Amino acid sequence: MKKILKMLTSKVLFIGLFVLLQLLFLFLIINKLINDDLIGVYLQLFFTIISFFIILKVVSSDINPEYKIAWIIPVLAFPIFGTFFYLLYHQNNITNRRKKMYSNIITNRNILLNNIPNELKYKEIKYLNKNGWRYYRNSKINLLSSGEEKLYSLLEDLKNAESFILIEYFILSKGKMFNSIMDVLYEKAAQGVEIKLIYDDFGSADNLPFNFKRKMKKKGIEVLPFNPINFHLNFSMNYRTHRKIVVIDNKIAYTGGINIGDEYCNYINRFGHWHDASFRIEGSAVWSFTLIFLESWNFSSKEKLDYKKYYIPYKLDSNEVIAPFADNPIENREITKSALLYLINEAKEEILITTPYLILDNEIITALKLAAKSGVNVNIVLPGIADKKLVYLVTESFALDLAKAGIKIYKYIPGFLHSKLYLFDRKKAIVGTSNLDFRSLYLHFENNVLIYESDVLDDIANYINITIDNSKLMSKESLKKKSFTIRTLQAILRGFSATL
C-alpha cells in the first residue's frame, strides 16, 4: 500500500504525465490540422521548409555528431511532429542568465587557484591548468572499496568535524545509510558546526522524507535542491549534478561512485550485489573540492558565499600528485572526456576500466580501438545485472564493437557494477563520478580526480583485478547472440544513444 501511495504522489510521475499530456496534445492538434484538406497541404509545406532550416542549423552546429543524428532522424522522418518536438525540447532547462552567472562564478575560482605549479610536463595536467584547475602535493588519497567501508570511514570523520561540513550528492534516499549520516549531522549542527547540503532534485526526487528542507532548517542544516524540476514546457533530465562530494573542514574530502542510499551499502538488494568504490582525500587537494561545492551552492542559491571563509590551510607530508577537477555542461569544454582521450592515447601497456554504462562517441571508440590494435591490453568491466534494461542493450551494442577490435569485455557476475575507474599503465588514473556515457561526459555536472605517483594506483589495480576475477569474459559471439528483435531494438536505440 505504501509503495502504491508513494507512486501516486511521485513528483517525477506527475511531471512525466505532464510531458506525456504535452506530447498527446501536440499530436492531436497536428493530426486535426493535417486532416483538414486545405490546411493540411499548407501545413505540410510550411513544416517541411522549417524542418529543412532546423536540419541546417543542427548540421552546422558544434555539438557532438551523435546528437546531430539523434535530432536529424525524427525531424526527417516526421517533419511536422519532429519539428514541434525539436522546438519544444532541444533546449536545456537553464536560462542564458544563469549560464552567464555560472561563468562569473568560475572566474572567481580561477582567481583563487591562480598559484599553479608548473613543474609537471604532462599535457593533461597542462590542459587542466588551462581550464582553471591545479594539481597538489602534500595530500593523500585512499580507496574505499565498498559502500560499507565508505560509510564507516565517513561517519568517523563527520564526528570529528569542527568548523563546517559541505555535502553534494546526486541521490539522497532515506534508509539506514541516510539515517546514520543524518544522526551525526544533527549532532554536529547542535554543536555549532556549519552544515550545507545540496541534492539533485531529479536524482533525489521522491526519495527524501516529507518536508525534508523544512526539517533540516529546524535542525540547523542548510539545504538546497540543484536545478529544481518544475512543470514547464521544456522539462529536461539534463543539467543534473551527478557529483558526490563531502568536505570536512577543508581537510578531508570524499568522492566516487557511492550515493546516499541503502543499495550502495547492500542493505537492500536491487540488482544483485552492488559493487562500488569511493575515495577519501586528505590534505591540500581538498581545497579544490571545497571550491567545487561552493560554486554549486552559489549557482543554486541567491546567497553568495565568501570562498576565503572556508579556506583552512592544511597539508600532509606527501609527494603524491592529486588533481581534483569538475566538469559541467554549461561551458561545453568536456574536460573529463578530453583528459581520458589524452591518457588513452598515451597508454603503452594496459588500460583498465570499470563503468556501469558504455555509451560512447566516435572519438573515444576510435581511441580505445587504436590502443588495442597498437598492442595495449584494454580491459573494460561492465555490470552483470542491469539497472536500466534499455540502456544496457545499448551498452552491449558498444561492447560488441569494442570486442571486435580485440578489447576484453567483462561482466561482473554477482550483480551491478557502479564504480567509475580509469587506470592507465598503473601510473595514472582518473576516478570520481563520471560514467563512460554521454550524460556524464556531456550533460551533467561531474567531479573527478587525476592521480599520479600514488600508492592508491596499486590499490585501484588490485580492486579492478579482483572485480575481473568475479566477472565473465564476454566473447564476440556471446555479445552478438541476440534475437532479430533485440538487434533491431539495439540499432534503433543506438541511433538515439546520445539522449539516453
Foldseek 3Di string as FASTA:
>chain_A
DVVVVLCVPFPVNVQVVLQVVVLVVLVVVLVVQLPPVVSNVVLVVVLVVVLVVVLVVLVPDPDFVLVSLLLNVQCVVPSRSSSVCCVQAVDADDDPVLLVVLVVLLVVLLVVPVPADDPDDQVLQVVVVVVRWHKDWLKAKAKDWAPVSVLVVVLVLLLVFDAEKEWEAAEAADDDQNVSVVVSVLVVQVVVHAYEYEYAQVSHGSRDDPPVQVVCVVSNYHYFHFPHADRDSHGDPFATAHWGWMAGLLFKMKFWQDGRDCLRRPPDDDWFRETTMMMMMGANQSLQVLSLRLSRDVSGDVDRDDSVVSDDHGGHPGGWMKIKDKDGQSVVPLSVVVSLLSQLQPFDAEKEWEFAAAQAGPSVLVSLLVSVLNHHAAEYEYEPTHPDVLRVLLRLVSVLSSVVSVHWYKHQNRTGYHTTWIAGPLFKIKGGRAGNALRRRHTYITMIMITGDHPNSVVVVVSRVVSRVNIDTDHSCNSPPDDPVSVVSNVVCSSNRNRD
